[in-house]
N, C-alpha and C. Protein backbone atom coordinates (compact mmCIF):
# COMPACT_ATOMS: atom_id res chain seq x y z
N MET A 1 153.26 23.77 157.01
CA MET A 1 153.10 23.44 155.27
C MET A 1 154.50 23.53 155.14
N THR A 2 154.91 22.63 153.95
CA THR A 2 156.18 22.49 153.27
C THR A 2 156.24 22.75 151.83
N ILE A 3 157.06 23.27 151.23
CA ILE A 3 157.20 23.31 149.82
C ILE A 3 158.59 22.21 149.36
N LEU A 4 158.24 21.57 148.31
CA LEU A 4 159.28 20.65 148.04
C LEU A 4 159.57 20.95 146.88
N PHE A 5 161.33 20.95 146.76
CA PHE A 5 161.65 21.18 145.13
C PHE A 5 162.71 20.08 144.95
N GLU A 6 162.99 19.91 143.62
CA GLU A 6 164.06 18.87 143.28
C GLU A 6 164.27 19.06 141.54
N PRO A 7 165.62 19.44 141.28
CA PRO A 7 166.05 19.23 139.89
C PRO A 7 165.91 17.83 139.57
N ILE A 8 165.19 17.54 138.23
CA ILE A 8 164.96 16.09 137.86
C ILE A 8 165.18 15.99 136.64
N GLY A 9 165.90 14.91 136.16
CA GLY A 9 166.33 14.81 135.08
C GLY A 9 166.64 13.21 134.26
N ASN A 10 166.51 12.86 133.43
CA ASN A 10 167.07 11.49 132.89
C ASN A 10 168.65 11.14 133.16
N ILE A 11 169.36 9.99 133.04
CA ILE A 11 170.64 9.92 133.09
C ILE A 11 171.49 11.12 132.00
N ALA A 12 171.06 11.38 130.91
CA ALA A 12 171.49 12.37 130.02
C ALA A 12 171.43 13.91 130.57
N ARG A 13 170.49 14.38 131.64
CA ARG A 13 170.15 15.32 132.27
C ARG A 13 169.28 16.17 131.43
N GLU A 14 168.69 15.19 130.79
CA GLU A 14 167.07 15.42 129.97
C GLU A 14 166.23 15.64 130.85
N ILE A 15 165.40 16.56 130.76
CA ILE A 15 163.69 16.28 131.48
C ILE A 15 163.19 14.78 131.33
N GLY A 16 163.12 14.10 132.39
CA GLY A 16 162.49 12.99 132.31
C GLY A 16 161.00 12.75 132.21
N VAL A 17 160.54 13.78 132.96
CA VAL A 17 159.16 13.56 133.58
C VAL A 17 158.51 14.92 133.46
N ASP A 18 157.53 15.08 133.24
CA ASP A 18 156.55 16.43 133.06
C ASP A 18 156.13 17.05 134.53
N THR A 19 155.72 15.95 135.36
CA THR A 19 154.88 16.36 136.70
C THR A 19 155.45 14.92 137.63
N VAL A 20 155.30 15.57 139.10
CA VAL A 20 155.67 14.32 139.98
C VAL A 20 154.47 14.24 140.82
N LYS A 21 153.71 13.31 140.92
CA LYS A 21 152.51 13.02 141.49
C LYS A 21 152.97 12.67 143.13
N PHE A 22 151.87 13.74 143.96
CA PHE A 22 151.53 13.44 145.24
C PHE A 22 150.13 13.06 145.65
N GLY A 23 150.23 12.16 146.51
CA GLY A 23 148.82 11.96 147.09
C GLY A 23 149.08 11.38 148.59
N ILE A 24 148.06 10.88 149.40
CA ILE A 24 148.29 10.48 150.51
C ILE A 24 147.77 8.97 150.41
N PRO A 25 148.20 7.75 151.57
CA PRO A 25 147.92 6.53 151.55
C PRO A 25 146.42 6.05 151.91
N ARG A 26 146.05 6.87 152.93
CA ARG A 26 144.76 7.02 153.47
C ARG A 26 144.13 8.35 153.78
N VAL A 27 142.88 8.84 153.86
CA VAL A 27 142.59 9.81 154.07
C VAL A 27 142.80 9.88 155.73
N ARG A 28 143.36 11.75 156.07
CA ARG A 28 143.75 11.50 157.40
C ARG A 28 143.44 13.18 157.78
N LEU A 29 143.42 13.41 159.06
CA LEU A 29 143.40 14.76 159.43
C LEU A 29 144.52 15.80 159.26
N SER A 30 144.63 17.01 158.81
CA SER A 30 145.34 17.89 158.33
C SER A 30 146.51 17.89 159.24
N TYR A 31 147.51 18.10 159.41
CA TYR A 31 148.71 18.36 160.20
C TYR A 31 148.58 19.20 161.58
N ASP A 32 147.67 20.49 161.02
CA ASP A 32 147.40 21.01 162.32
C ASP A 32 145.79 21.05 162.62
N GLY A 33 145.31 19.56 162.14
CA GLY A 33 144.17 19.23 162.93
C GLY A 33 142.97 20.27 162.39
N THR A 34 142.98 21.30 161.37
CA THR A 34 141.84 21.88 161.17
C THR A 34 140.78 21.07 159.62
N ALA A 35 141.46 20.27 159.22
CA ALA A 35 140.66 19.76 157.75
C ALA A 35 141.15 18.49 157.66
N MET A 36 140.29 17.89 156.56
CA MET A 36 140.41 16.06 156.23
C MET A 36 141.29 16.63 155.09
N ILE A 37 142.32 15.97 154.94
CA ILE A 37 143.11 15.62 153.88
C ILE A 37 142.47 14.32 152.90
N VAL A 38 142.10 14.67 151.63
CA VAL A 38 141.49 13.35 150.87
C VAL A 38 142.58 12.79 150.05
N LYS A 39 142.12 11.98 149.48
CA LYS A 39 143.37 11.08 148.26
C LYS A 39 143.38 11.49 147.10
N THR A 40 142.79 12.72 146.80
CA THR A 40 142.87 13.12 145.24
C THR A 40 144.44 13.55 145.29
N PRO A 41 144.89 13.07 143.86
CA PRO A 41 146.51 13.49 143.82
C PRO A 41 146.65 14.53 143.31
N TYR A 42 147.89 15.46 143.86
CA TYR A 42 148.18 16.90 143.32
C TYR A 42 149.59 16.55 142.27
N ARG A 43 149.43 17.29 141.26
CA ARG A 43 150.45 16.76 140.25
C ARG A 43 151.53 17.84 140.20
N ALA A 44 152.88 17.90 140.81
CA ALA A 44 153.66 19.27 140.90
C ALA A 44 154.08 19.14 139.47
N PRO A 45 154.37 20.32 138.68
CA PRO A 45 155.17 20.45 137.57
C PRO A 45 156.65 20.69 137.68
N VAL A 46 157.14 19.93 136.49
CA VAL A 46 158.55 20.09 136.41
C VAL A 46 158.89 21.25 135.21
N THR A 47 159.54 22.32 135.46
CA THR A 47 159.51 23.46 134.89
C THR A 47 160.98 23.74 134.74
N ASN A 48 161.43 23.72 133.53
CA ASN A 48 163.21 24.03 133.05
C ASN A 48 164.08 22.76 133.92
N GLY A 49 163.46 21.52 134.14
CA GLY A 49 163.96 20.65 134.67
C GLY A 49 164.09 20.62 136.50
N VAL A 50 163.13 21.42 137.12
CA VAL A 50 162.85 21.45 138.60
C VAL A 50 161.60 21.41 138.70
N MET A 51 161.37 20.39 139.67
CA MET A 51 159.79 20.24 140.47
C MET A 51 159.81 21.09 141.58
N THR A 52 158.99 21.54 141.84
CA THR A 52 158.69 22.63 142.83
C THR A 52 156.84 22.45 143.31
N THR A 53 156.70 22.20 144.65
CA THR A 53 155.37 21.90 144.81
C THR A 53 154.87 23.08 145.52
N LYS A 54 153.43 23.34 145.52
CA LYS A 54 152.44 24.40 146.33
C LYS A 54 153.06 23.85 147.94
N ASP A 55 152.53 24.48 148.69
CA ASP A 55 152.65 24.42 150.17
C ASP A 55 151.80 22.78 150.40
N LEU A 56 152.44 22.09 151.23
CA LEU A 56 152.02 20.82 151.31
C LEU A 56 151.88 20.33 152.55
N ASP A 57 151.09 19.54 152.87
CA ASP A 57 150.57 19.31 154.34
C ASP A 57 151.24 18.42 154.85
N PRO A 58 151.96 18.57 156.15
CA PRO A 58 153.11 17.55 156.39
C PRO A 58 152.59 16.05 156.97
N GLY A 59 153.21 15.33 156.96
CA GLY A 59 152.76 13.88 157.24
C GLY A 59 152.88 13.02 156.02
N PRO A 60 152.55 11.68 156.05
CA PRO A 60 152.50 10.39 155.05
C PRO A 60 152.15 10.97 153.71
N ALA A 61 152.94 10.84 152.64
CA ALA A 61 152.69 11.17 151.42
C ALA A 61 153.02 9.85 150.28
N ASP A 62 152.32 9.57 149.62
CA ASP A 62 152.85 8.82 148.34
C ASP A 62 153.39 9.79 147.22
N VAL A 63 154.32 9.41 147.07
CA VAL A 63 155.02 10.25 145.59
C VAL A 63 155.22 9.35 144.66
N THR A 64 155.00 9.82 143.40
CA THR A 64 155.23 9.04 142.31
C THR A 64 156.09 9.68 141.48
N ILE A 65 157.36 9.06 140.77
CA ILE A 65 158.14 9.79 140.01
C ILE A 65 158.19 8.80 138.73
N GLY A 66 157.58 8.81 137.62
CA GLY A 66 157.73 8.14 136.40
C GLY A 66 156.99 7.00 136.74
N GLN A 67 157.20 5.79 136.86
CA GLN A 67 156.64 4.63 137.26
C GLN A 67 156.99 4.02 139.07
N GLU A 68 157.68 4.93 139.50
CA GLU A 68 157.92 4.61 140.80
C GLU A 68 157.13 5.25 141.78
N THR A 69 156.74 4.70 142.91
CA THR A 69 156.25 4.99 144.08
C THR A 69 156.66 4.96 145.19
N ARG A 70 156.96 5.49 146.19
CA ARG A 70 157.39 5.53 147.60
C ARG A 70 156.71 6.55 148.56
N THR A 71 156.53 5.83 149.65
CA THR A 71 156.15 6.63 150.82
C THR A 71 156.66 7.45 151.77
N ILE A 72 156.60 8.92 151.46
CA ILE A 72 157.25 9.66 152.20
C ILE A 72 157.00 10.25 153.47
N ASP A 73 157.56 10.73 154.19
CA ASP A 73 157.12 11.34 155.47
C ASP A 73 157.56 12.96 155.21
N ILE A 74 156.57 13.98 154.88
CA ILE A 74 156.74 15.23 154.64
C ILE A 74 156.88 16.02 156.15
N PRO A 75 158.10 16.43 156.44
CA PRO A 75 157.89 17.16 157.83
C PRO A 75 157.51 18.61 157.66
N ASP A 76 157.27 19.14 158.47
CA ASP A 76 156.62 20.61 158.90
C ASP A 76 157.98 21.46 158.90
N SER A 77 158.07 22.49 157.65
CA SER A 77 159.30 23.31 157.38
C SER A 77 158.95 24.49 157.12
N GLY A 78 159.50 25.62 157.43
CA GLY A 78 159.28 26.96 157.19
C GLY A 78 160.05 27.63 155.90
N ILE A 79 160.92 26.49 155.72
CA ILE A 79 161.88 26.52 154.43
C ILE A 79 161.69 25.52 153.36
N PRO A 80 161.82 25.89 151.94
CA PRO A 80 161.65 24.89 150.97
C PRO A 80 162.78 23.64 151.57
N LEU A 81 162.38 22.28 151.08
CA LEU A 81 163.26 21.38 151.29
C LEU A 81 163.47 20.52 149.90
N ARG A 82 164.55 19.95 149.68
CA ARG A 82 164.54 19.05 148.56
C ARG A 82 163.85 17.76 148.81
N LEU A 83 163.34 17.30 147.71
CA LEU A 83 162.45 15.91 147.57
C LEU A 83 163.80 14.62 148.06
N GLN A 84 164.71 14.77 147.37
CA GLN A 84 165.71 13.70 147.16
C GLN A 84 165.79 12.75 148.33
N PRO A 85 166.21 13.81 149.56
CA PRO A 85 166.45 13.06 150.96
C PRO A 85 165.36 12.43 151.50
N LEU A 86 163.99 12.61 151.05
CA LEU A 86 162.69 12.08 151.80
C LEU A 86 162.70 10.80 150.91
N TRP A 87 162.90 11.09 149.44
CA TRP A 87 162.66 10.07 148.57
C TRP A 87 163.68 8.73 148.97
N ASP A 88 164.86 9.31 149.53
CA ASP A 88 165.99 8.07 149.37
C ASP A 88 165.55 7.45 151.13
N ALA A 89 165.09 8.09 151.87
CA ALA A 89 164.65 7.76 153.22
C ALA A 89 163.84 6.72 152.92
N ALA A 90 162.69 6.91 152.42
CA ALA A 90 161.59 5.81 151.82
C ALA A 90 161.80 4.72 150.92
N GLU A 91 163.24 4.40 150.67
CA GLU A 91 163.88 3.14 149.83
C GLU A 91 163.73 2.17 150.67
N PRO A 92 163.00 1.14 150.15
CA PRO A 92 162.85 -0.18 150.50
C PRO A 92 163.97 -0.74 151.12
N GLN A 93 163.99 -1.46 152.23
CA GLN A 93 164.96 -2.00 152.82
C GLN A 93 165.35 -3.31 152.06
N PRO A 94 166.43 -4.09 151.53
CA PRO A 94 166.57 -5.16 151.10
C PRO A 94 165.85 -6.16 151.98
N GLU A 95 165.86 -7.44 151.43
CA GLU A 95 165.17 -8.26 151.80
C GLU A 95 166.03 -9.13 153.12
N ASN A 96 167.54 -9.05 152.83
CA ASN A 96 168.10 -9.43 154.05
C ASN A 96 168.97 -8.43 154.16
N PRO A 97 168.63 -7.30 155.27
CA PRO A 97 169.35 -6.44 155.77
C PRO A 97 170.47 -6.23 156.21
N ASP A 98 171.07 -7.92 156.68
CA ASP A 98 172.48 -7.68 157.26
C ASP A 98 173.62 -6.96 156.73
N GLY A 99 174.13 -6.19 157.73
CA GLY A 99 174.99 -5.33 157.18
C GLY A 99 174.81 -4.08 156.48
N PHE A 100 173.08 -3.55 156.19
CA PHE A 100 172.71 -2.89 155.49
C PHE A 100 173.13 -1.56 156.33
N VAL A 101 173.33 -0.34 155.67
CA VAL A 101 173.38 0.98 156.15
C VAL A 101 172.97 1.66 155.13
N ARG A 102 172.26 2.98 155.73
CA ARG A 102 171.51 3.96 155.04
C ARG A 102 172.17 5.05 155.35
N ASN A 103 172.90 5.87 154.56
CA ASN A 103 173.26 7.32 154.85
C ASN A 103 172.30 8.11 154.46
N ALA A 104 171.47 8.78 155.35
CA ALA A 104 170.53 9.77 155.24
C ALA A 104 171.22 11.13 155.24
N GLY A 105 172.30 11.30 154.67
CA GLY A 105 172.66 12.42 154.43
C GLY A 105 173.52 13.05 155.37
N GLY A 106 174.04 12.34 156.45
CA GLY A 106 174.76 12.99 157.71
C GLY A 106 176.13 12.71 157.55
N PHE A 107 176.74 11.80 156.58
CA PHE A 107 177.97 11.86 156.59
C PHE A 107 178.27 11.01 155.36
N ASP A 108 179.98 11.28 154.67
CA ASP A 108 180.04 11.13 153.35
C ASP A 108 180.86 9.76 153.48
N ARG A 109 181.75 9.49 154.59
CA ARG A 109 182.41 8.46 154.37
C ARG A 109 182.29 7.62 156.08
N VAL A 110 183.00 6.46 156.34
CA VAL A 110 183.37 6.00 157.47
C VAL A 110 184.61 5.68 157.31
N GLN A 111 185.56 6.03 158.66
CA GLN A 111 186.89 5.62 158.63
C GLN A 111 187.29 4.76 159.82
N VAL A 112 187.84 3.87 159.82
CA VAL A 112 188.53 3.21 161.13
C VAL A 112 189.65 3.71 161.28
N MET A 113 190.22 3.94 162.58
CA MET A 113 191.65 4.28 162.86
C MET A 113 191.70 4.25 164.50
N THR A 114 193.14 4.32 164.80
CA THR A 114 192.88 4.30 166.42
C THR A 114 192.92 5.70 166.93
N MET A 115 192.74 5.54 168.43
CA MET A 115 192.31 7.03 169.09
C MET A 115 193.75 8.05 168.75
N SER A 116 194.82 7.38 168.61
CA SER A 116 196.06 8.64 168.56
C SER A 116 195.94 9.00 167.25
N GLN A 117 195.30 8.11 166.18
CA GLN A 117 195.67 8.65 164.83
C GLN A 117 194.37 9.85 164.72
N PHE A 118 193.27 9.51 165.28
CA PHE A 118 192.23 10.60 165.11
C PHE A 118 192.69 11.69 166.17
N THR A 119 193.31 11.76 167.04
CA THR A 119 193.59 13.15 167.66
C THR A 119 194.95 13.68 166.96
N SER A 120 195.82 13.25 166.17
CA SER A 120 196.67 13.57 165.71
C SER A 120 196.50 14.47 164.34
N GLN A 121 194.90 14.29 163.83
CA GLN A 121 194.78 15.35 162.98
C GLN A 121 194.13 16.38 163.36
N GLU A 122 194.68 17.42 162.65
CA GLU A 122 194.64 18.86 162.81
C GLU A 122 193.36 19.49 162.69
N SER A 123 192.14 18.78 161.91
CA SER A 123 190.76 19.20 161.71
C SER A 123 190.14 18.09 160.92
N PRO A 124 189.74 16.93 161.85
CA PRO A 124 188.86 15.67 161.33
C PRO A 124 187.85 16.55 160.38
N ASP A 125 187.35 15.68 159.30
CA ASP A 125 186.46 15.98 158.26
C ASP A 125 184.96 15.83 159.13
N PRO A 126 184.64 16.71 159.10
CA PRO A 126 183.01 16.90 159.95
C PRO A 126 181.88 16.06 159.16
N ASN A 127 182.35 15.49 158.13
CA ASN A 127 181.48 14.66 157.31
C ASN A 127 181.63 13.38 157.37
N THR A 128 182.53 12.49 158.12
CA THR A 128 183.33 11.40 158.32
C THR A 128 182.65 10.86 159.76
N THR A 129 182.29 9.99 159.53
CA THR A 129 182.12 9.31 160.91
C THR A 129 183.51 8.33 161.39
N PHE A 130 184.00 8.47 162.21
CA PHE A 130 185.28 7.80 162.72
C PHE A 130 184.81 6.60 163.86
N ILE A 131 185.36 5.16 163.34
CA ILE A 131 185.12 4.23 164.17
C ILE A 131 186.46 4.24 164.99
N LEU A 132 186.72 4.57 166.45
CA LEU A 132 187.99 4.49 166.99
C LEU A 132 188.11 3.28 167.59
N PHE A 133 189.29 3.03 167.86
CA PHE A 133 189.92 1.94 168.72
C PHE A 133 191.21 2.28 169.58
N PRO A 134 191.44 1.96 170.64
CA PRO A 134 192.43 2.01 171.39
C PRO A 134 193.67 1.81 170.67
N ASP A 135 194.83 2.19 171.17
CA ASP A 135 196.22 2.27 170.67
C ASP A 135 196.32 0.76 171.07
């Protein structure tokens, strides 16, 4: 089971929605195999600008924020997780994905350099992905 949370607001950081709706794309077996999960939606309240869910069954789920819906994959987690990385991972790819790269939260930037430039660094940034070329 997994609790999701996320601070939510509009561009002025005002509360933009009252609830976030969770459902499933089709009836399925629960994650632990003990029950059937039905399509009846669950609405998680946004209180003081933060949405927090009850324990949700891991697996595919449709999430609606305002007028936009995405199908996310809820992982099995013993600790509360932010919704935003799951929402971002479910963003549709562009029609022409040539050159398309999605940062799933693993790095902040990409830097190209030679091997000697890389080895001369005292402590390379752990959130940077380095593309190295021979000198």
